Protein backbone atom coordinates (compact mmCIF):
# COMPACT_ATOMS: atom_id res chain seq x y z
CA MET A 1 -4.59 -6.12 5.30
CA LEU A 2 -5.64 -8.63 7.38
CA PRO A 3 -2.68 -10.36 8.39
CA ALA A 4 -1.17 -13.89 10.01
CA ARG A 5 1.16 -13.19 10.26
CA ALA A 6 18.66 -1.57 8.65
CA ALA A 7 20.36 1.61 10.11
CA PHE A 8 18.93 5.02 8.32
CA ALA A 9 22.44 5.77 6.75
CA ALA A 10 22.66 9.01 5.35
CA LEU A 11 26.16 8.92 2.88
CA ALA A 12 27.17 12.16 2.52
CA LEU A 13 29.06 13.37 -0.39
CA ALA A 14 29.44 17.19 -0.95
CA LEU A 15 30.53 18.63 -4.19
CA THR A 16 29.99 22.10 -5.11
CA VAL A 17 28.52 22.61 -8.47
CA SER A 18 28.84 25.39 -11.00
CA SER A 19 26.09 26.74 -12.49
CA SER A 20 27.33 25.93 -16.03
CA ALA A 21 27.29 22.24 -14.72
CA VAL A 22 24.06 21.67 -13.87
CA GLY A 23 22.27 24.48 -15.47
CA ASP A 24 22.39 27.73 -13.13
CA PRO A 25 21.31 26.17 -9.70
CA GLY A 26 22.48 29.23 -7.93
CA PRO A 27 25.96 29.47 -6.35
CA GLU A 28 25.06 28.15 -2.71
CA GLU A 29 23.22 24.94 -3.99
CA ILE A 30 25.25 22.01 -3.22
CA ALA A 31 24.81 18.58 -4.72
CA SER A 32 25.44 15.90 -2.46
CA ALA A 33 24.44 11.92 -2.47
CA GLY A 34 20.65 10.96 -2.03
CA SER A 35 20.25 9.29 1.48
CA SER A 36 19.54 5.79 1.26
CA GLY A 37 16.27 5.73 3.25
CA ILE A 38 13.38 7.98 3.32
CA GLY A 39 13.66 8.27 6.69
CA ASP A 40 11.04 5.78 8.29
CA THR A 41 11.80 5.10 11.87
CA TYR A 42 10.82 1.18 11.25
CA PHE A 43 12.57 0.82 8.00
CA PRO A 44 15.19 2.92 7.64
CA LEU A 45 16.26 1.75 4.58
CA ASP A 46 12.92 1.88 2.52
CA GLY A 47 12.98 4.71 0.25
CA ASN A 48 15.24 7.31 -0.24
CA GLY A 49 16.13 10.69 -0.13
CA GLY A 50 16.37 13.16 -2.93
CA ILE A 51 13.96 11.85 -5.42
CA ASP A 52 10.32 11.84 -5.72
CA VAL A 53 9.04 9.38 -8.86
CA GLN A 54 6.07 10.10 -11.20
CA ARG A 55 5.67 7.14 -12.65
CA TYR A 56 6.85 3.60 -13.38
CA GLU A 57 6.79 1.44 -16.69
CA ILE A 58 7.28 -2.19 -15.25
CA HIS A 59 8.02 -4.84 -17.94
CA ASP A 60 8.70 -8.29 -16.76
CA THR A 61 8.72 -11.39 -17.94
CA TYR A 62 8.02 -14.79 -15.48
CA ARG A 63 8.62 -17.79 -16.06
CA PHE A 64 7.06 -21.11 -14.42
CA ARG A 65 9.45 -23.79 -14.95
CA SER A 66 12.67 -22.23 -13.77
CA ARG A 67 10.58 -19.44 -11.25
CA ARG A 68 12.91 -17.10 -12.67
CA LEU A 69 11.97 -13.13 -13.16
CA SER A 70 13.78 -11.19 -15.75
CA GLY A 71 12.84 -7.62 -16.95
CA TRP A 72 13.18 -3.65 -17.12
CA THR A 73 11.61 -0.73 -15.60
CA ARG A 74 11.53 2.87 -16.63
CA LEU A 75 10.97 5.07 -13.43
CA THR A 76 10.60 8.82 -14.29
CA ILE A 77 11.91 10.84 -11.41
CA THR A 78 12.14 14.32 -10.52
CA ALA A 79 15.02 15.44 -8.19
CA THR A 80 14.17 16.76 -5.17
CA GLU A 81 17.46 18.51 -3.92
CA PRO A 82 20.69 18.49 -6.14
CA LEU A 83 22.42 15.33 -6.87
CA VAL A 84 25.60 13.44 -7.26
CA SER A 85 24.08 10.33 -6.87
CA PHE A 86 20.66 8.88 -5.70
CA ASN A 87 19.46 5.07 -4.71
CA LEU A 88 16.53 2.88 -5.26
CA ASP A 89 15.64 -0.50 -3.83
CA LEU A 90 15.54 -3.76 -5.33
CA LEU A 91 16.60 -7.24 -4.28
CA LEU A 92 17.28 -8.79 -7.78
CA ARG A 93 20.71 -8.52 -9.71
CA VAL A 94 21.14 -5.65 -11.99
CA THR A 95 22.19 -6.25 -15.17
CA GLY A 96 22.26 -2.93 -16.47
CA VAL A 97 21.23 1.01 -15.84
CA SER A 98 20.59 4.08 -18.23
CA LEU A 99 19.48 7.30 -17.54
CA ASP A 100 18.25 9.92 -20.13
CA GLY A 101 18.93 6.99 -22.58
CA ALA A 102 22.72 6.91 -21.68
CA PRO A 103 24.59 4.25 -20.02
CA VAL A 104 25.80 4.87 -16.10
CA GLU A 105 27.76 4.08 -13.10
CA HIS A 106 25.73 1.75 -10.76
CA SER A 107 27.17 0.02 -7.71
CA ARG A 108 24.95 -2.22 -4.79
CA PRO A 109 26.04 -0.99 -1.23
CA ASP A 110 23.98 -3.84 -0.13
CA GLN A 111 21.73 -6.38 -1.08
CA HIS A 112 18.41 -4.26 -0.60
CA GLU A 113 20.23 -0.50 -1.99
CA LEU A 114 21.02 0.31 -5.94
CA THR A 115 23.29 3.20 -6.17
CA ILE A 116 23.27 4.83 -9.32
CA THR A 117 25.60 8.12 -10.30
CA PRO A 118 25.05 10.44 -13.48
CA ALA A 119 27.59 11.03 -15.38
CA GLN A 120 26.61 15.62 -14.47
CA PRO A 121 25.13 16.13 -11.33
CA LEU A 122 21.01 16.45 -11.06
CA GLU A 123 19.58 20.07 -10.34
CA THR A 124 17.00 20.47 -7.91
CA GLY A 125 13.32 20.59 -10.07
CA ARG A 126 15.19 18.09 -12.88
CA THR A 127 12.84 15.07 -14.31
CA PHE A 128 14.71 12.69 -16.10
CA GLU A 129 14.28 8.93 -17.25
CA VAL A 130 16.27 5.62 -15.37
CA VAL A 131 15.97 2.23 -16.97
CA VAL A 132 17.08 -0.34 -14.79
CA ARG A 133 17.41 -3.62 -16.34
CA TYR A 134 17.41 -7.01 -13.55
CA VAL A 135 16.91 -10.66 -13.35
CA GLY A 136 16.38 -13.23 -10.52
CA HIS A 137 14.41 -16.13 -8.63
CA PRO A 138 12.55 -14.27 -6.24
CA ALA A 139 11.45 -17.06 -4.72
CA ASP A 140 15.10 -17.80 -3.64
CA VAL A 141 15.54 -14.02 -2.00
CA ASP A 142 15.41 -13.30 1.71
CA TRP A 143 15.75 -9.82 3.13
CA ALA A 144 15.34 -8.47 6.98
CA GLY A 145 13.48 -11.99 7.52
CA GLU A 146 11.06 -11.71 4.70
CA SER A 147 10.58 -14.32 2.08
CA ASN A 148 7.15 -12.31 0.07
CA TRP A 149 6.97 -14.15 -3.15
CA VAL A 150 4.36 -16.77 -3.69
CA ALA A 151 4.26 -19.02 -6.18
CA SER A 152 3.56 -22.96 -7.47
CA SER A 153 4.55 -24.65 -10.59
CA THR A 154 1.17 -23.03 -12.62
CA GLU A 155 0.31 -19.45 -10.06
CA VAL A 156 1.88 -16.47 -9.02
CA ILE A 157 0.92 -13.54 -7.05
CA ALA A 158 3.20 -10.78 -6.41
CA VAL A 159 1.61 -9.45 -2.91
CA ASN A 160 3.26 -8.52 0.68
CA GLN A 161 2.91 -5.86 3.03
CA PRO A 162 4.71 -3.52 3.70
CA HIS A 163 7.21 -4.89 1.54
CA MET A 164 6.98 -6.34 -1.94
CA ALA A 165 8.28 -3.87 -5.00
CA THR A 166 11.50 -4.99 -4.68
CA TRP A 167 11.19 -8.01 -5.46
CA TRP A 168 9.99 -7.54 -8.78
CA PHE A 169 10.56 -3.87 -9.99
CA PRO A 170 13.08 -1.07 -8.69
CA ALA A 171 11.15 1.11 -6.82
CA ASN A 172 11.28 4.50 -4.28
CA ASP A 173 10.11 2.07 -1.67
CA HIS A 174 7.91 3.92 0.94
CA PRO A 175 3.83 5.00 1.01
CA SER A 176 4.93 8.06 0.75
CA ASP A 177 6.30 8.49 -2.42
CA LYS A 178 3.13 7.50 -4.48
CA ALA A 179 3.31 7.31 -8.63
CA LEU A 180 1.59 5.73 -11.90
CA MET A 181 1.65 2.09 -12.39
CA ASP A 182 2.00 0.50 -16.21
CA ILE A 183 2.75 -3.14 -15.59
CA SER A 184 3.46 -5.42 -18.48
CA ILE A 185 3.53 -8.75 -17.53
CA SER A 186 5.10 -12.21 -19.92
CA VAL A 187 3.73 -15.51 -19.14
CA PRO A 188 3.02 -18.35 -20.72
CA ARG A 189 0.34 -17.92 -23.68
CA GLY A 190 -1.72 -19.89 -21.32
CA LYS A 191 -1.84 -18.02 -18.15
CA VAL A 192 -4.17 -14.71 -17.22
CA VAL A 193 -2.65 -11.70 -15.77
CA VAL A 194 -4.20 -9.69 -13.14
CA ALA A 195 -3.11 -6.53 -11.74
CA GLY A 196 -4.55 -2.71 -10.61
CA GLY A 197 -6.08 -0.43 -12.96
CA GLN A 198 -7.28 -1.44 -15.90
CA ARG A 199 -6.06 -3.63 -18.77
CA VAL A 200 -5.37 -1.68 -21.65
CA GLY A 201 -4.08 -5.10 -23.93
CA ARG A 202 -2.45 -8.52 -24.64
CA GLU A 203 -0.29 -9.41 -27.03
CA VAL A 204 1.19 -13.11 -28.33
CA THR A 205 4.27 -13.50 -28.88
CA GLY A 206 5.10 -17.56 -29.50
CA ALA A 207 4.91 -19.31 -26.59
CA PHE A 208 4.54 -16.02 -24.05
CA ALA A 209 1.38 -13.19 -24.14
CA THR A 210 2.24 -9.83 -22.77
CA THR A 211 -0.61 -8.45 -20.61
CA ARG A 212 -0.74 -4.62 -19.75
CA TRP A 213 -2.51 -3.01 -16.49
CA ARG A 214 -2.35 0.69 -16.37
CA SER A 215 -3.40 3.04 -12.81
CA ALA A 216 -5.26 6.08 -13.68
CA GLU A 217 -4.47 7.40 -9.86
CA PRO A 218 -0.74 7.27 -8.06
CA MET A 219 -0.78 4.09 -5.88
CA ALA A 220 2.41 3.43 -2.89
CA PRO A 221 4.87 0.83 -4.67
CA TYR A 222 3.95 -2.23 -2.03
CA LEU A 223 0.19 -1.90 -3.71
CA ALA A 224 0.78 -2.67 -7.12
CA TYR A 225 0.54 -6.38 -7.71
CA PHE A 226 0.09 -8.64 -10.73
CA ALA A 227 -1.52 -12.33 -10.50
CA ALA A 228 -0.67 -14.45 -12.88
CA GLY A 229 -1.76 -18.23 -13.48
CA PRO A 230 -5.63 -19.79 -14.39
CA PHE A 231 -7.82 -17.42 -13.61
CA GLU A 232 -11.27 -16.93 -14.44
CA VAL A 233 -11.81 -13.24 -15.35
CA GLU A 234 -15.24 -11.45 -15.19
CA ARG A 235 -16.11 -7.59 -15.72
CA GLY A 236 -18.79 -5.75 -15.71
CA VAL A 237 -20.76 -2.36 -14.31
CA HIS A 238 -22.38 -1.43 -10.84
CA GLY A 239 -23.65 1.96 -10.30
CA GLY A 240 -21.57 3.42 -13.22
CA LEU A 241 -18.51 1.92 -11.64
CA PRO A 242 -16.11 -0.45 -13.50
CA TRP A 243 -15.29 -3.58 -12.10
CA VAL A 244 -12.98 -6.50 -12.72
CA THR A 245 -12.86 -9.73 -10.43
CA ALA A 246 -10.65 -13.11 -10.98
CA VAL A 247 -10.57 -16.64 -9.50
CA SER A 248 -8.37 -19.39 -10.24
CA ARG A 249 -9.64 -22.28 -11.69
CA ALA A 250 -6.92 -24.17 -8.95
CA VAL A 251 -9.38 -23.08 -6.28
CA PRO A 252 -11.12 -26.55 -5.13
CA ASP A 253 -14.42 -26.83 -6.97
CA ARG A 254 -16.01 -27.05 -3.96
CA ASP A 255 -14.99 -23.44 -3.03
CA PHE A 256 -14.96 -21.71 -6.78
CA ARG A 257 -18.25 -20.48 -7.37
CA ARG A 258 -18.95 -19.53 -3.75
CA SER A 259 -15.70 -17.42 -4.12
CA GLN A 260 -17.06 -16.39 -7.19
CA ARG A 261 -19.98 -15.04 -6.09
CA LEU A 262 -17.91 -13.05 -3.06
CA MET A 263 -15.47 -11.77 -5.80
CA ARG A 264 -18.83 -10.71 -7.82
CA HIS A 265 -20.23 -8.95 -4.40
CA SER A 266 -17.24 -6.23 -4.11
CA ALA A 267 -19.03 -4.01 -6.52
CA ARG A 268 -21.77 -3.60 -4.11
CA LEU A 269 -19.63 -3.25 -1.33
CA THR A 270 -18.16 -0.41 -3.02
CA ALA A 271 -21.32 1.04 -3.22
CA TRP A 272 -22.53 0.91 0.38
CA LEU A 273 -18.87 2.26 1.10
CA GLN A 274 -19.37 5.13 -1.21
CA SER A 275 -22.83 5.72 0.78
CA GLN A 276 -20.84 6.00 3.92
CA LEU A 277 -17.42 7.89 3.00
CA GLY A 278 -18.23 9.48 -0.21
CA PRO A 279 -17.38 9.14 -4.03
CA TYR A 280 -14.70 5.89 -4.07
CA PRO A 281 -11.52 7.50 -5.18
CA PHE A 282 -10.50 5.27 -8.09
CA ALA A 283 -11.76 3.92 -11.80
CA SER A 284 -12.30 0.07 -10.96
CA THR A 285 -13.29 -1.86 -8.30
CA GLY A 286 -13.28 -5.79 -7.86
CA GLY A 287 -11.12 -8.79 -6.62
CA VAL A 288 -9.01 -11.79 -7.11
CA THR A 289 -8.86 -14.97 -5.04
CA THR A 290 -6.17 -16.95 -5.46
CA SER A 291 -5.74 -21.05 -4.78
CA LEU A 292 -2.00 -20.59 -3.69
CA SER A 293 -1.52 -20.29 0.47
CA THR A 294 -1.57 -16.75 2.14
CA PRO A 295 -2.27 -16.26 5.29
CA PHE A 296 -3.57 -12.69 4.55
CA ALA A 297 -5.92 -10.61 2.32
CA LEU A 298 -4.20 -7.35 0.73
CA GLU A 299 -5.97 -4.24 0.06
CA ASN A 300 -3.98 -4.02 -3.45
CA GLN A 301 -5.71 -0.88 -5.12
CA THR A 302 -8.42 -1.02 -6.93
CA ARG A 303 -8.53 -4.87 -6.81
CA PRO A 304 -7.65 -6.52 -3.59
CA VAL A 305 -6.18 -9.95 -3.46
CA TYR A 306 -7.54 -12.75 -0.73
CA PRO A 307 -6.86 -16.32 -0.59
CA VAL A 308 -9.68 -19.06 -0.79
CA LEU A 309 -12.00 -17.65 2.41
CA ALA A 310 -14.41 -19.24 4.35
CA PRO A 311 -18.34 -19.27 3.99
CA GLY A 312 -19.82 -15.65 5.45
CA SER A 313 -16.26 -14.16 4.75
CA GLY A 314 -18.03 -10.88 3.63
CA PRO A 315 -16.51 -8.61 6.49
CA VAL A 316 -12.97 -9.49 4.87
CA VAL A 317 -13.84 -8.06 1.58
CA VAL A 318 -15.57 -4.66 3.50
CA HIS A 319 -12.28 -4.33 5.04
CA GLU A 320 -10.17 -4.68 2.02
CA LEU A 321 -12.37 -2.51 -0.11
CA ALA A 322 -12.65 -0.10 3.09
CA HIS A 323 -8.90 0.20 2.36
CA GLN A 324 -9.17 1.67 -0.77
CA TRP A 325 -10.05 5.06 0.98
CA PHE A 326 -7.85 4.12 4.08
CA GLY A 327 -4.69 3.40 2.99
CA ASP A 328 -4.48 3.36 -0.58
CA SER A 329 -6.16 6.69 -1.39
CA VAL A 330 -5.34 8.42 1.65
CA SER A 331 -1.71 6.50 2.60
CA LEU A 332 0.37 6.54 5.16
CA ASP A 333 3.34 9.50 6.06
CA SER A 334 4.79 6.47 7.87
CA TRP A 335 4.59 3.17 9.15
CA ARG A 336 3.96 4.23 12.76
CA ASP A 337 0.92 5.47 11.74
CA ILE A 338 -0.70 2.18 10.65
CA TRP A 339 -3.38 2.29 13.19
CA LEU A 340 -5.03 4.95 10.72
CA ASN A 341 -5.15 2.65 7.86
CA GLU A 342 -6.51 -0.85 10.12
CA GLY A 343 -8.16 0.74 13.18
CA ALA A 344 -10.70 2.59 9.64
CA ALA A 345 -11.09 -0.58 8.05
CA THR A 346 -11.82 -2.50 10.94
CA PHE A 347 -14.42 0.20 11.96
CA MET A 348 -16.04 0.04 8.40
CA GLU A 349 -16.23 -4.03 9.40
CA VAL A 350 -18.08 -2.64 12.55
CA ARG A 351 -20.48 -0.46 10.43
CA TYR A 352 -21.16 -2.93 8.12
CA GLY A 353 -22.54 -5.28 10.80
CA GLU A 354 -24.29 -2.40 12.31
CA THR A 355 -26.26 -1.42 9.32
CA HIS A 356 -27.03 -4.85 8.63
CA GLY A 357 -28.58 -6.12 11.15
CA ARG A 358 -25.68 -7.11 13.71
CA VAL A 359 -24.46 -5.35 16.64
CA ASP A 360 -24.76 -1.79 16.96
CA GLY A 361 -21.34 0.24 17.52
CA THR A 362 -21.95 0.99 21.04
CA ARG A 363 -22.64 -2.83 22.18
CA TRP A 364 -19.78 -3.59 20.10
CA LEU A 365 -17.15 -1.26 21.92
CA GLN A 366 -18.26 -2.43 25.16
CA GLN A 367 -18.04 -6.13 24.22
CA GLN A 368 -14.42 -5.22 23.24
CA TYR A 369 -13.88 -3.33 26.48
CA ASP A 370 -15.09 -5.87 28.46
CA GLY A 371 -13.68 -8.75 26.79
CA HIS A 372 -10.31 -7.36 27.10
CA HIS A 373 -10.30 -7.07 30.74
CA GLY A 374 -7.11 -7.64 31.96
CA ASP A 375 -5.30 -8.29 28.87
CA ALA A 376 -2.24 -6.30 28.96
CA GLY A 377 -0.66 -7.48 26.32
CA PHE A 378 -4.01 -6.17 24.37
CA TRP A 379 -3.83 -3.03 25.83
CA GLY A 380 -0.15 -2.22 26.13
CA VAL A 381 0.58 -1.52 22.39
CA ARG A 382 1.20 2.08 21.64
CA LEU A 383 -1.68 2.90 18.92
CA ASP A 384 0.61 5.80 17.49
CA ASP A 385 3.93 4.01 17.95
CA PRO A 386 3.45 0.10 17.98
CA GLY A 387 6.47 -0.45 16.75
CA ALA A 388 7.99 -2.58 13.39
CA THR A 389 7.33 -5.99 14.59
CA ARG A 390 3.86 -5.74 15.82
CA LEU A 391 2.31 -3.42 13.04
CA PHE A 392 -0.36 -6.07 12.52
CA ASP A 393 -0.95 -6.96 15.44
CA HIS A 394 -4.38 -7.61 16.88
CA ALA A 395 -4.32 -4.68 18.98
CA VAL A 396 -3.93 -2.25 16.47
CA TYR A 397 -6.61 -3.59 14.37
CA VAL A 398 -9.52 -3.78 17.19
CA ARG A 399 -8.33 -0.70 19.50
CA GLY A 400 -8.11 1.21 16.17
CA ALA A 401 -11.42 0.42 15.46
CA MET A 402 -12.57 0.98 18.86
CA LEU A 403 -10.66 4.61 18.96
CA LEU A 404 -13.24 5.92 16.22
CA GLN A 405 -16.49 4.32 17.89
CA ALA A 406 -15.16 6.13 21.09
CA LEU A 407 -15.06 9.13 19.25
CA ARG A 408 -18.45 9.04 17.45
CA ARG A 409 -19.50 8.92 21.07
CA VAL A 410 -17.77 11.64 21.95
CA VAL A 411 -18.09 13.93 19.04
CA GLY A 412 -21.24 13.17 18.05
CA GLU A 413 -22.73 11.40 14.76
CA ARG A 414 -22.67 14.43 12.37
CA ASP A 415 -19.46 15.28 13.44
CA PHE A 416 -17.68 12.29 13.16
CA TRP A 417 -19.20 11.22 9.91
CA GLU A 418 -18.06 15.08 8.76
CA LEU A 419 -14.82 14.10 9.80
CA LEU A 420 -14.17 10.73 8.05
CA ARG A 421 -15.86 12.45 4.96
CA ARG A 422 -13.66 14.94 4.97
CA TRP A 423 -10.31 13.03 5.62
CA VAL A 424 -10.61 10.67 2.82
CA GLY A 425 -12.57 13.27 0.72
CA ASP A 426 -11.12 15.52 -3.19
CA ASN A 427 -12.32 18.98 -1.15
CA ALA A 428 -9.39 21.40 -1.01
CA GLY A 429 -7.12 20.93 1.69
CA ASP A 430 -8.29 17.19 2.28
CA ASN A 431 -6.08 13.97 1.84
CA ALA A 432 -7.64 12.01 -0.90
CA GLY A 433 -4.72 10.84 -3.21
CA GLY A 434 -1.84 12.13 -0.90
CA ASN A 435 -0.40 11.45 2.51
CA ALA A 436 -1.45 12.05 5.80
CA SER A 437 -0.56 11.44 9.68
CA THR A 438 -1.56 10.39 13.11
CA GLU A 439 -1.14 14.21 13.98
CA ASP A 440 -3.46 15.13 10.99
CA PHE A 441 -6.15 13.17 11.66
CA VAL A 442 -5.87 14.52 15.37
CA ALA A 443 -5.98 18.03 14.00
CA MET A 444 -8.94 17.50 11.55
CA ALA A 445 -10.83 16.01 14.48
CA GLU A 446 -10.33 18.85 16.78
CA GLN A 447 -11.27 20.91 13.86
CA VAL A 448 -14.21 19.68 12.54
CA SER A 449 -15.56 18.88 16.57
CA GLY A 450 -14.47 22.31 17.77
CA ARG A 451 -13.29 20.12 20.80
CA ASP A 452 -10.10 19.78 22.63
CA LEU A 453 -9.63 16.33 22.00
CA ASP A 454 -5.70 16.33 23.83
CA GLY A 455 -7.31 14.23 26.42
CA PHE A 456 -9.04 11.46 24.22
CA PHE A 457 -6.34 10.90 22.07
CA ALA A 458 -3.76 10.79 25.14
CA VAL A 459 -5.55 8.14 26.42
CA TRP A 460 -6.08 5.91 23.06
CA LEU A 461 -3.18 6.44 20.87
CA SER A 462 -0.08 6.92 23.73
CA GLY A 463 -1.69 5.07 26.22
CA THR A 464 -0.96 1.79 27.44
CA THR A 465 -3.59 0.96 29.72
CA ARG A 466 -7.17 -0.26 29.51
CA PRO A 467 -8.77 3.22 29.34
CA ALA A 468 -11.21 4.24 32.31
CA ARG A 469 -14.87 4.16 31.55
CA THR A 470 -15.89 7.68 31.49
CA SER A 471 -17.89 9.78 29.09
CA ALA A 472 -14.85 11.24 28.27
CA ASN A 473 -12.88 8.34 26.99
CA GLY A 474 -16.18 7.45 24.92
CA LEU A 475 -17.00 4.96 27.28
CA LEU A 476 -20.17 5.86 28.93
């Protein structure tokens, strides 16, 4: 993401369950209520305990005139512990819930949580389907100071970070639970719908049309999105990889063609990133430009979404496409690890400039180091724990990239690029398609380089003062 800019409650209801009631779980298994959060220290209510979502099948209808969204979502879920109840995250009004086809009890302990109580406890390992029906006006929803729905009378985008899913579908809303996405959006037939993955169909029924997009790879809930409006869509194949771009016809004429060219350039930039990082992790690439006023671009999986960008904004596209590896394929264990996403994407901007006749990485590092001399605010942010209010602080981006360039100088070119490729690669034991933490990155850096890097990472990750200009810190 290029940005502009709550207590973890574990409800323990213990119930001894007999083997005949839950399919022989064993005499020692105790069923309890799944927790109302997954355990993220920054956002205690994000995600939920006891469940692992395998697949979302989202069916939403959006009416531009009333700005009303209604729909239903089928979630395929596996219980990771014995449960008498479990939660999902949703900010819209719920009109009905069923489990494996039968209506079940549900309640709303607060605005964010939906608690579902099966008729019988669920044993560990059971996979089941939940259908949630809901309705509301997402533009009117505010939660924890966030009002994330962006729409006009002619266009809408469901795009934001770190939270967006709960404004339009029920979710286990944390990056650590990735799932397949099958998204069907119904809007007036004159509108175009774009989402992540591949478009698999469009069906017109009366005044409305339903467009279906399906992902081939699991994604974090906040990376799922849709955009609907007067979009002009282009498709092609570059180097064997399909691409899809969309630019809103509501973008002013002077910017429309430039935006189209920039979105088309996504395929070539993806190919360049492959040359640096290894195989692209998804089945398609591309980009979307909206006419709506948003103060950020976001790395939505397979197809980032951008506001109208100024001339010379190629590095922004490089940044968001780099996130397809750093953040989308290799996702965060927890939000405190955000530098792994933003620092790496910013570093790839630097690398792109370096390979295209601009300033090299070493000079860029020195410029940043000297340019932030005496800037206590910049150096005072802990990269490995910036805090929920500073997730997207400028320092997280730039200092994260500086760390990587400094590490490059310490371990050398061969080991550095081997580290990055292994970090995002698909070899056994690597992280592609999964989740990883700062501790995982440090361990891999030491393994690949054969060096003890504890001192280096202590200075760059947990330090809150300007690092000394030493070779050990990658600054000489």
